[in-house]
């Protein structure tokens, strides 16, 4: 399996519901380093999984309406905790929609999966992987 990964970041505010979250129940800020990995069984005729520049551009666009916002007010997250895991899935699903529309420059049928990892710090992160 071949994989290509790009990295970006987003800065958000949010609060989390439930005693398990302790002080994170209060409104707080978070900065995530976001990695998006696309995999394929083989490279294309140019020798790539997808164009790194194009994948970078689309990751940045997907993160744009989350960055510098309060996720508690985000319609797509209404009634849900914006945990790192939930956010990883949201970003992966948004990128998968773009892949299905051919925006990553390769037929989605030739791609295997996409994985998104949100790094909260150098010691904690969460990922979500889905088939394409």
N, C-alpha and C. Protein backbone atom coordinates (compact mmCIF):
# COMPACT_ATOMS: atom_id res chain seq x y z
N UNK A 1 0.84 -1.18 0.00
CA UNK A 1 0.00 0.00 0.00
C UNK A 1 0.88 1.24 0.00
N UNK A 2 0.56 2.19 -0.87
CA UNK A 2 1.25 3.47 -0.92
C UNK A 2 0.44 4.50 -0.15
N UNK A 3 1.14 5.42 0.50
CA UNK A 3 0.48 6.48 1.27
C UNK A 3 1.19 7.80 1.02
N UNK A 4 0.39 8.87 0.99
CA UNK A 4 0.94 10.22 0.95
C UNK A 4 0.23 11.01 2.05
N UNK A 5 1.01 11.78 2.80
CA UNK A 5 0.48 12.55 3.93
C UNK A 5 0.84 14.01 3.79
N UNK A 6 -0.12 14.87 4.11
CA UNK A 6 0.13 16.31 4.19
C UNK A 6 -0.29 16.78 5.58
N UNK A 7 0.20 17.94 5.96
CA UNK A 7 -0.04 18.45 7.31
C UNK A 7 -0.49 19.91 7.25
N UNK A 8 -1.40 20.24 8.16
CA UNK A 8 -1.86 21.62 8.34
C UNK A 8 -2.19 21.76 9.83
N UNK A 9 -2.84 22.83 10.19
CA UNK A 9 -3.25 22.99 11.59
C UNK A 9 -4.54 23.80 11.66
N UNK A 10 -5.20 23.72 12.81
CA UNK A 10 -6.36 24.57 13.04
C UNK A 10 -6.40 24.94 14.52
N UNK A 11 -6.89 26.14 14.75
CA UNK A 11 -7.05 26.66 16.10
C UNK A 11 -8.53 26.89 16.33
N UNK A 12 -9.07 26.28 17.39
CA UNK A 12 -10.50 26.33 17.64
C UNK A 12 -10.76 26.63 19.12
N UNK A 13 -12.00 26.99 19.41
CA UNK A 13 -12.50 27.05 20.77
C UNK A 13 -13.65 26.06 20.86
N UNK A 14 -13.82 25.45 22.02
CA UNK A 14 -14.94 24.55 22.23
C UNK A 14 -15.04 24.18 23.70
N UNK A 15 -16.15 23.57 24.04
CA UNK A 15 -16.33 22.99 25.37
C UNK A 15 -16.88 21.58 25.16
N UNK A 16 -16.68 20.74 26.14
CA UNK A 16 -17.10 19.34 26.03
C UNK A 16 -18.06 19.01 27.17
N UNK A 17 -19.13 18.29 26.85
CA UNK A 17 -20.13 17.94 27.85
C UNK A 17 -19.83 16.58 28.46
N UNK A 18 -19.95 16.48 29.77
CA UNK A 18 -19.76 15.21 30.47
C UNK A 18 -18.67 15.30 31.51
N UNK A 19 -18.91 14.68 32.64
CA UNK A 19 -17.94 14.71 33.73
C UNK A 19 -16.59 14.13 33.35
N UNK A 20 -16.56 13.23 32.39
CA UNK A 20 -15.31 12.60 31.97
C UNK A 20 -14.30 13.65 31.47
N UNK A 21 -14.81 14.83 31.04
CA UNK A 21 -13.94 15.86 30.48
C UNK A 21 -13.40 16.84 31.51
N UNK A 22 -13.83 16.73 32.76
CA UNK A 22 -13.28 17.58 33.82
C UNK A 22 -13.30 19.04 33.43
N UNK A 23 -12.15 19.75 33.58
CA UNK A 23 -12.12 21.19 33.30
C UNK A 23 -12.36 21.53 31.83
N UNK A 24 -12.24 20.56 30.92
CA UNK A 24 -12.48 20.82 29.50
C UNK A 24 -13.97 21.03 29.21
N UNK A 25 -14.80 20.89 30.25
CA UNK A 25 -16.21 21.21 30.07
C UNK A 25 -16.40 22.71 29.89
N UNK A 26 -15.45 23.49 30.42
CA UNK A 26 -15.50 24.94 30.24
C UNK A 26 -14.96 25.28 28.84
N UNK A 27 -15.38 26.41 28.32
CA UNK A 27 -14.89 26.88 27.03
C UNK A 27 -13.36 27.02 27.11
N UNK A 28 -12.68 26.45 26.13
CA UNK A 28 -11.22 26.52 26.08
C UNK A 28 -10.76 26.47 24.63
N UNK A 29 -9.52 26.79 24.42
CA UNK A 29 -8.96 26.77 23.08
C UNK A 29 -8.15 25.50 22.85
N UNK A 30 -8.04 25.13 21.59
CA UNK A 30 -7.22 23.98 21.21
C UNK A 30 -6.57 24.27 19.86
N UNK A 31 -5.32 23.88 19.75
CA UNK A 31 -4.62 23.96 18.47
C UNK A 31 -4.26 22.54 18.07
N UNK A 32 -4.75 22.13 16.92
CA UNK A 32 -4.51 20.78 16.42
C UNK A 32 -3.56 20.82 15.24
N UNK A 33 -2.59 19.94 15.23
CA UNK A 33 -1.81 19.64 14.04
C UNK A 33 -2.59 18.54 13.34
N UNK A 34 -2.92 18.77 12.06
CA UNK A 34 -3.81 17.86 11.33
C UNK A 34 -3.04 17.20 10.19
N UNK A 35 -2.97 15.87 10.22
CA UNK A 35 -2.35 15.09 9.14
C UNK A 35 -3.45 14.38 8.36
N UNK A 36 -3.38 14.47 7.05
CA UNK A 36 -4.31 13.74 6.18
C UNK A 36 -3.49 12.81 5.30
N UNK A 37 -3.83 11.53 5.34
CA UNK A 37 -3.12 10.51 4.58
C UNK A 37 -4.07 9.83 3.62
N UNK A 38 -3.70 9.79 2.35
CA UNK A 38 -4.47 9.08 1.34
C UNK A 38 -3.65 7.87 0.91
N UNK A 39 -4.31 6.72 0.80
CA UNK A 39 -3.60 5.51 0.41
C UNK A 39 -4.20 4.91 -0.85
N UNK A 40 -3.36 4.17 -1.56
CA UNK A 40 -3.77 3.49 -2.79
C UNK A 40 -2.92 2.23 -2.95
N UNK A 41 -3.48 1.24 -3.59
CA UNK A 41 -2.75 0.00 -3.84
C UNK A 41 -1.55 0.23 -4.74
N UNK A 42 -1.67 1.20 -5.63
CA UNK A 42 -0.58 1.46 -6.57
C UNK A 42 -0.53 2.95 -6.89
N UNK A 43 0.56 3.40 -7.42
CA UNK A 43 0.69 4.78 -7.87
C UNK A 43 0.11 4.89 -9.27
N UNK A 44 -0.16 6.11 -9.69
CA UNK A 44 -0.71 6.34 -11.03
C UNK A 44 0.42 6.40 -12.06
N UNK A 45 0.09 6.79 -13.28
CA UNK A 45 1.08 6.86 -14.36
C UNK A 45 2.19 7.85 -14.10
N UNK A 46 1.92 8.85 -13.25
CA UNK A 46 2.94 9.84 -12.90
C UNK A 46 3.79 9.37 -11.72
N UNK A 47 3.43 8.22 -11.14
CA UNK A 47 4.19 7.68 -10.03
C UNK A 47 3.78 8.21 -8.66
N UNK A 48 2.54 8.71 -8.56
CA UNK A 48 2.08 9.29 -7.29
C UNK A 48 0.73 8.69 -6.86
N UNK A 49 0.44 8.82 -5.57
CA UNK A 49 -0.88 8.44 -5.05
C UNK A 49 -1.86 9.53 -5.43
N UNK A 50 -1.62 10.74 -4.95
CA UNK A 50 -2.32 11.96 -5.37
C UNK A 50 -1.30 13.09 -5.32
N UNK A 51 -1.61 14.18 -5.97
CA UNK A 51 -0.72 15.33 -5.96
C UNK A 51 -0.68 15.93 -4.56
N UNK A 52 0.50 16.06 -3.99
CA UNK A 52 0.66 16.58 -2.64
C UNK A 52 0.14 18.02 -2.54
N UNK A 53 0.42 18.83 -3.54
CA UNK A 53 -0.05 20.22 -3.53
C UNK A 53 -1.56 20.30 -3.52
N UNK A 54 -2.20 19.49 -4.33
CA UNK A 54 -3.66 19.48 -4.39
C UNK A 54 -4.25 18.98 -3.08
N UNK A 55 -3.69 17.92 -2.51
CA UNK A 55 -4.18 17.41 -1.23
C UNK A 55 -4.00 18.46 -0.14
N UNK A 56 -2.87 19.15 -0.13
CA UNK A 56 -2.62 20.22 0.84
C UNK A 56 -3.66 21.33 0.71
N UNK A 57 -3.92 21.72 -0.51
CA UNK A 57 -4.90 22.78 -0.77
C UNK A 57 -6.28 22.39 -0.25
N UNK A 58 -6.69 21.17 -0.48
CA UNK A 58 -8.02 20.73 -0.05
C UNK A 58 -8.09 20.52 1.46
N UNK A 59 -7.03 20.06 2.07
CA UNK A 59 -7.04 19.95 3.53
C UNK A 59 -7.20 21.35 4.13
N UNK A 60 -6.46 22.31 3.62
CA UNK A 60 -6.56 23.68 4.13
C UNK A 60 -7.98 24.22 3.97
N UNK A 61 -8.59 23.97 2.82
CA UNK A 61 -9.95 24.44 2.57
C UNK A 61 -10.96 23.78 3.51
N UNK A 62 -10.80 22.50 3.77
CA UNK A 62 -11.69 21.77 4.67
C UNK A 62 -11.60 22.32 6.09
N UNK A 63 -10.41 22.71 6.50
CA UNK A 63 -10.20 23.23 7.85
C UNK A 63 -10.62 24.69 7.99
N UNK A 64 -10.77 25.38 6.87
CA UNK A 64 -10.97 26.83 6.89
C UNK A 64 -12.17 27.28 7.71
N UNK A 65 -13.30 26.59 7.61
CA UNK A 65 -14.46 27.10 8.34
C UNK A 65 -14.51 26.60 9.78
N UNK A 66 -13.57 25.75 10.16
CA UNK A 66 -13.45 25.34 11.56
C UNK A 66 -12.45 26.22 12.30
N UNK A 67 -11.42 26.64 11.59
CA UNK A 67 -10.34 27.41 12.20
C UNK A 67 -10.84 28.76 12.69
N UNK A 68 -10.37 29.14 13.87
CA UNK A 68 -10.73 30.41 14.52
C UNK A 68 -12.23 30.52 14.77
N UNK A 69 -12.88 29.38 15.06
CA UNK A 69 -14.30 29.42 15.38
C UNK A 69 -14.54 28.70 16.70
N UNK A 70 -15.73 28.96 17.25
CA UNK A 70 -16.18 28.24 18.43
C UNK A 70 -16.99 27.05 17.93
N UNK A 71 -16.48 25.87 18.09
CA UNK A 71 -17.14 24.68 17.58
C UNK A 71 -18.48 24.43 18.25
N UNK A 72 -18.70 25.00 19.42
CA UNK A 72 -20.00 24.87 20.09
C UNK A 72 -21.11 25.50 19.26
N UNK A 73 -20.75 26.44 18.40
CA UNK A 73 -21.73 27.13 17.56
C UNK A 73 -21.80 26.57 16.14
N UNK A 74 -21.03 25.53 15.87
CA UNK A 74 -20.94 24.98 14.52
C UNK A 74 -22.11 24.03 14.26
N UNK A 75 -22.91 24.34 13.26
CA UNK A 75 -24.13 23.58 12.95
C UNK A 75 -23.86 22.09 12.75
N UNK A 76 -22.78 21.76 12.10
CA UNK A 76 -22.45 20.36 11.80
C UNK A 76 -22.14 19.55 13.07
N UNK A 77 -21.85 20.23 14.16
CA UNK A 77 -21.52 19.56 15.41
C UNK A 77 -22.60 19.73 16.47
N UNK A 78 -23.73 20.29 16.09
CA UNK A 78 -24.82 20.56 17.05
C UNK A 78 -25.22 19.28 17.79
N UNK A 79 -25.27 19.38 19.11
CA UNK A 79 -25.69 18.26 19.93
C UNK A 79 -24.64 17.18 20.13
N UNK A 80 -23.43 17.42 19.66
CA UNK A 80 -22.35 16.43 19.78
C UNK A 80 -21.15 17.07 20.45
N UNK A 81 -20.39 16.28 21.15
CA UNK A 81 -19.11 16.74 21.66
C UNK A 81 -18.13 16.84 20.50
N UNK A 82 -17.42 17.93 20.45
CA UNK A 82 -16.40 18.10 19.40
C UNK A 82 -15.07 17.55 19.90
N UNK A 83 -15.10 16.26 20.25
CA UNK A 83 -13.89 15.58 20.71
C UNK A 83 -12.90 15.47 19.55
N UNK A 84 -11.68 15.16 19.88
CA UNK A 84 -10.66 15.00 18.85
C UNK A 84 -11.07 13.91 17.87
N UNK A 85 -11.65 12.82 18.37
CA UNK A 85 -12.08 11.72 17.50
C UNK A 85 -13.18 12.17 16.54
N UNK A 86 -14.16 12.90 17.05
CA UNK A 86 -15.27 13.39 16.22
C UNK A 86 -14.75 14.34 15.16
N UNK A 87 -13.83 15.23 15.54
CA UNK A 87 -13.27 16.16 14.57
C UNK A 87 -12.45 15.45 13.50
N UNK A 88 -11.72 14.41 13.87
CA UNK A 88 -10.95 13.65 12.88
C UNK A 88 -11.89 13.04 11.84
N UNK A 89 -13.02 12.52 12.29
CA UNK A 89 -13.99 11.95 11.35
C UNK A 89 -14.60 13.02 10.46
N UNK A 90 -14.94 14.16 11.03
CA UNK A 90 -15.51 15.25 10.25
C UNK A 90 -14.57 15.67 9.13
N UNK A 91 -13.30 15.85 9.45
CA UNK A 91 -12.32 16.26 8.44
C UNK A 91 -12.14 15.15 7.39
N UNK A 92 -12.05 13.91 7.82
CA UNK A 92 -11.90 12.78 6.87
C UNK A 92 -13.10 12.70 5.93
N UNK A 93 -14.30 12.86 6.47
CA UNK A 93 -15.50 12.79 5.63
C UNK A 93 -15.54 13.93 4.62
N UNK A 94 -15.14 15.11 5.04
CA UNK A 94 -15.10 16.24 4.11
C UNK A 94 -14.08 16.01 2.99
N UNK A 95 -12.92 15.47 3.33
CA UNK A 95 -11.93 15.16 2.31
C UNK A 95 -12.40 14.04 1.40
N UNK A 96 -13.10 13.06 1.95
CA UNK A 96 -13.62 11.95 1.14
C UNK A 96 -14.63 12.46 0.12
N UNK A 97 -15.45 13.45 0.49
CA UNK A 97 -16.39 14.05 -0.46
C UNK A 97 -15.64 14.69 -1.62
N UNK A 98 -14.57 15.36 -1.32
CA UNK A 98 -13.77 16.00 -2.37
C UNK A 98 -13.09 14.94 -3.25
N UNK A 99 -12.62 13.86 -2.64
CA UNK A 99 -12.02 12.77 -3.42
C UNK A 99 -13.05 12.16 -4.36
N UNK A 100 -14.26 11.94 -3.85
CA UNK A 100 -15.33 11.35 -4.67
C UNK A 100 -15.70 12.26 -5.83
N UNK A 101 -15.54 13.56 -5.66
CA UNK A 101 -15.84 14.52 -6.72
C UNK A 101 -14.66 14.70 -7.68
N UNK A 102 -13.58 13.94 -7.48
CA UNK A 102 -12.42 14.00 -8.37
C UNK A 102 -11.51 15.18 -8.11
N UNK A 103 -11.69 15.87 -6.99
CA UNK A 103 -10.92 17.08 -6.72
C UNK A 103 -9.49 16.82 -6.28
N UNK A 104 -9.17 15.58 -5.96
CA UNK A 104 -7.78 15.28 -5.59
C UNK A 104 -6.95 14.87 -6.81
N UNK A 105 -7.58 14.88 -8.00
CA UNK A 105 -6.85 14.66 -9.23
C UNK A 105 -6.72 13.22 -9.66
N UNK A 106 -7.40 12.33 -8.96
CA UNK A 106 -7.34 10.92 -9.31
C UNK A 106 -8.71 10.31 -9.07
N UNK A 107 -9.10 9.36 -9.90
CA UNK A 107 -10.39 8.70 -9.74
C UNK A 107 -10.44 8.04 -8.37
N UNK A 108 -11.51 8.31 -7.63
CA UNK A 108 -11.63 7.78 -6.28
C UNK A 108 -11.61 6.25 -6.28
N UNK A 109 -12.01 5.63 -7.38
CA UNK A 109 -11.98 4.17 -7.47
C UNK A 109 -10.56 3.62 -7.39
N UNK A 110 -9.57 4.46 -7.68
CA UNK A 110 -8.17 4.04 -7.62
C UNK A 110 -7.53 4.30 -6.26
N UNK A 111 -8.31 4.88 -5.35
CA UNK A 111 -7.81 5.18 -4.01
C UNK A 111 -8.41 4.21 -3.02
N UNK A 112 -7.67 3.88 -1.98
CA UNK A 112 -8.13 2.89 -1.00
C UNK A 112 -8.78 3.51 0.22
N UNK A 113 -8.11 4.49 0.83
CA UNK A 113 -8.59 5.01 2.11
C UNK A 113 -8.03 6.39 2.36
N UNK A 114 -8.64 7.04 3.33
CA UNK A 114 -8.12 8.30 3.84
C UNK A 114 -8.11 8.20 5.36
N UNK A 115 -7.03 8.69 5.95
CA UNK A 115 -6.90 8.72 7.41
C UNK A 115 -6.55 10.14 7.83
N UNK A 116 -7.25 10.62 8.85
CA UNK A 116 -6.98 11.94 9.38
C UNK A 116 -6.58 11.79 10.85
N UNK A 117 -5.48 12.42 11.22
CA UNK A 117 -4.99 12.41 12.59
C UNK A 117 -4.94 13.84 13.09
N UNK A 118 -5.55 14.07 14.25
CA UNK A 118 -5.48 15.36 14.92
C UNK A 118 -4.60 15.20 16.15
N UNK A 119 -3.52 15.95 16.18
CA UNK A 119 -2.57 15.90 17.29
C UNK A 119 -2.84 17.07 18.23
N UNK A 120 -3.27 16.73 19.44
CA UNK A 120 -3.54 17.74 20.47
C UNK A 120 -2.25 18.24 21.10
N UNK A 121 -1.28 17.37 21.16
CA UNK A 121 0.02 17.71 21.75
C UNK A 121 1.03 16.69 21.25
N UNK A 122 2.24 16.78 21.76
CA UNK A 122 3.28 15.83 21.36
C UNK A 122 3.07 14.46 22.01
N UNK A 123 2.09 14.35 22.93
CA UNK A 123 1.86 13.06 23.60
C UNK A 123 0.44 12.52 23.43
N UNK A 124 -0.44 13.25 22.74
CA UNK A 124 -1.83 12.80 22.60
C UNK A 124 -2.40 13.15 21.23
N UNK A 125 -3.01 12.16 20.57
CA UNK A 125 -3.66 12.38 19.29
C UNK A 125 -4.70 11.31 19.06
N UNK A 126 -5.57 11.58 18.07
CA UNK A 126 -6.61 10.63 17.69
C UNK A 126 -6.71 10.63 16.17
N UNK A 127 -7.10 9.48 15.62
CA UNK A 127 -7.21 9.31 14.17
C UNK A 127 -8.53 8.68 13.80
N UNK A 128 -8.91 8.93 12.55
CA UNK A 128 -10.07 8.26 11.97
C UNK A 128 -9.69 7.86 10.55
N UNK A 129 -9.94 6.61 10.19
CA UNK A 129 -9.65 6.11 8.85
C UNK A 129 -10.94 5.59 8.23
N UNK A 130 -11.12 5.89 6.95
CA UNK A 130 -12.29 5.40 6.24
C UNK A 130 -11.91 5.01 4.82
N UNK A 131 -12.65 4.06 4.30
CA UNK A 131 -12.44 3.62 2.92
C UNK A 131 -12.92 4.70 1.96
N UNK A 132 -12.31 4.72 0.79
CA UNK A 132 -12.75 5.65 -0.27
C UNK A 132 -13.46 4.90 -1.37
